[in-house]
C-alpha atoms as a PDB file:
ATOM      1  CA  MET A   1      97.039  92.171 110.111  1.00  0.00           C
ATOM      2  CA  ARG A   2      96.607  90.449 106.759  1.00  0.00           C
ATOM      3  CA  ILE A   3      94.704  92.007 103.849  1.00  0.00           C
ATOM      4  CA  LEU A   4      92.779  89.554 101.690  1.00  0.00           C
ATOM      5  CA  VAL A   5      91.348  90.374  98.254  1.00  0.00           C
ATOM      6  CA  ASP A   6      88.810  88.013  96.679  1.00  0.00           C
ATOM      7  CA  ILE A   7      89.634  88.343  92.989  1.00  0.00           C
ATOM      8  CA  ASP A   8      86.573  86.287  92.035  1.00  0.00           C
ATOM      9  CA  THR A   9      84.120  88.841  93.437  1.00  0.00           C
ATOM     10  CA  CYS A  10      86.092  92.044  92.850  1.00  0.00           C
ATOM     11  CA  THR A  11      84.399  94.420  90.399  1.00  0.00           C
ATOM     12  CA  ALA A  12      87.611  96.386  89.662  1.00  0.00           C
ATOM     13  CA  CYS A  13      86.050  99.658  90.789  1.00  0.00           C
ATOM     14  CA  ARG A  14      89.509 101.116  91.648  1.00  0.00           C
ATOM     15  CA  LEU A  15      88.379 102.393  95.061  1.00  0.00           C
ATOM     16  CA  CYS A  16      91.099 100.582  97.000  1.00  0.00           C
ATOM     17  CA  TYR A  17      94.150 101.601  94.985  1.00  0.00           C
ATOM     18  CA  ASP A  18      92.823 105.086  94.264  1.00  0.00           C
ATOM     19  CA  THR A  19      92.331 105.621  98.011  1.00  0.00           C
ATOM     20  CA  LEU A  20      95.417 103.777  99.323  1.00  0.00           C
ATOM     21  CA  PRO A  21      98.087 103.504  96.611  1.00  0.00           C
ATOM     22  CA  GLN A  22     100.667 102.795  99.311  1.00  0.00           C
ATOM     23  CA  VAL A  23      98.824  99.517 100.102  1.00  0.00           C
ATOM     24  CA  PHE A  24      97.068  98.488  96.852  1.00  0.00           C
ATOM     25  CA  ALA A  25      98.049  98.519  93.181  1.00  0.00           C
ATOM     26  CA  ASP A  26      96.345  97.617  89.915  1.00  0.00           C
ATOM     27  CA  ARG A  27      97.700  94.303  88.700  1.00  0.00           C
ATOM     28  CA  GLY A  28      96.986  95.389  85.116  1.00  0.00           C
ATOM     29  CA  ASP A  29      93.388  94.288  84.657  1.00  0.00           C
ATOM     30  CA  GLY A  30      91.729  96.468  87.297  1.00  0.00           C
ATOM     31  CA  ILE A  31      91.955  93.842  90.038  1.00  0.00           C
ATOM     32  CA  PRO A  32      93.954  95.063  93.044  1.00  0.00           C
ATOM     33  CA  ILE A  33      97.040  93.486  94.498  1.00  0.00           C
ATOM     34  CA  VAL A  34      98.465  94.225  97.928  1.00  0.00           C
ATOM     35  CA  TRP A  35     102.033  95.458  98.150  1.00  0.00           C
ATOM     36  CA  LEU A  36     103.913  92.683  99.946  1.00  0.00           C
ATOM     37  CA  ARG A  37     106.289  94.906 101.809  1.00  0.00           C
ATOM     38  CA  VAL A  38     103.888  97.577 102.978  1.00  0.00           C
ATOM     39  CA  LYS A  39     104.482  98.611 106.571  1.00  0.00           C
ATOM     40  CA  MET A  40     101.093  98.873 108.245  1.00  0.00           C
ATOM     41  CA  ASP A  41     101.381 101.652 110.736  1.00  0.00           C
ATOM     42  CA  ASP A  42      98.560 103.181 112.732  1.00  0.00           C
ATOM     43  CA  SER A  43      98.224 106.144 110.360  1.00  0.00           C
ATOM     44  CA  LEU A  44      96.985 103.857 107.548  1.00  0.00           C
ATOM     45  CA  LYS A  45      94.431 101.920 109.587  1.00  0.00           C
ATOM     46  CA  PRO A  46      91.534 104.432 109.379  1.00  0.00           C
ATOM     47  CA  SER A  47      91.846 104.659 105.591  1.00  0.00           C
ATOM     48  CA  LEU A  48      92.184 100.895 105.284  1.00  0.00           C
ATOM     49  CA  LEU A  49      89.043 100.333 107.355  1.00  0.00           C
ATOM     50  CA  GLU A  50      87.223 102.874 105.178  1.00  0.00           C
ATOM     51  CA  VAL A  51      88.285 101.011 102.021  1.00  0.00           C
ATOM     52  CA  VAL A  52      87.153  97.672 103.477  1.00  0.00           C
ATOM     53  CA  GLU A  53      83.769  99.090 104.489  1.00  0.00           C
ATOM     54  CA  SER A  54      83.306 100.959 101.182  1.00  0.00           C
ATOM     55  CA  CYS A  55      84.214  98.099  98.856  1.00  0.00           C
ATOM     56  CA  PRO A  56      81.027  97.635  96.797  1.00  0.00           C
ATOM     57  CA  SER A  57      81.576  93.886  96.351  1.00  0.00           C
ATOM     58  CA  ASN A  58      82.919  93.215  99.873  1.00  0.00           C
ATOM     59  CA  SER A  59      85.989  91.690  98.237  1.00  0.00           C
ATOM     60  CA  ILE A  60      88.510  93.116 100.701  1.00  0.00           C
ATOM     61  CA  GLN A  61      88.752  91.553 104.138  1.00  0.00           C
ATOM     62  CA  LEU A  62      91.097  92.019 107.079  1.00  0.00           C
ATOM     63  CA  GLU A  63      92.393  89.104 109.082  1.00  0.00           C
ATOM     64  CA  GLU A  64      94.185  89.398 112.396  1.00  0.00           C
ATOM     65  CA  VAL A  65      97.417  87.449 112.495  1.00  0.00           C
ATOM     66  CA  GLY A  66      99.374  86.273 115.376  1.00  0.00           C
END
C-alpha cells in the first residue's frame, strides 16, 4: 500500500501526524510527509483509514501496489 499526500491541497491541519506520528511527520511548514521506512502492519490500517476519511481537504489517498 502506498500513501500519497497532495501538498497542493493540504491545509496543514495536523490531523494526520497528530493521529499517526509513526506514519506521518511535519516537514516543517505544517505539510505532512510520510516516513519512508514505516512498516505498515495490520494494527495501523484502521487508524490510517480513519485519517484518510477524516482529512478535511481529501489530500491523503491510499494506493494499492503490487
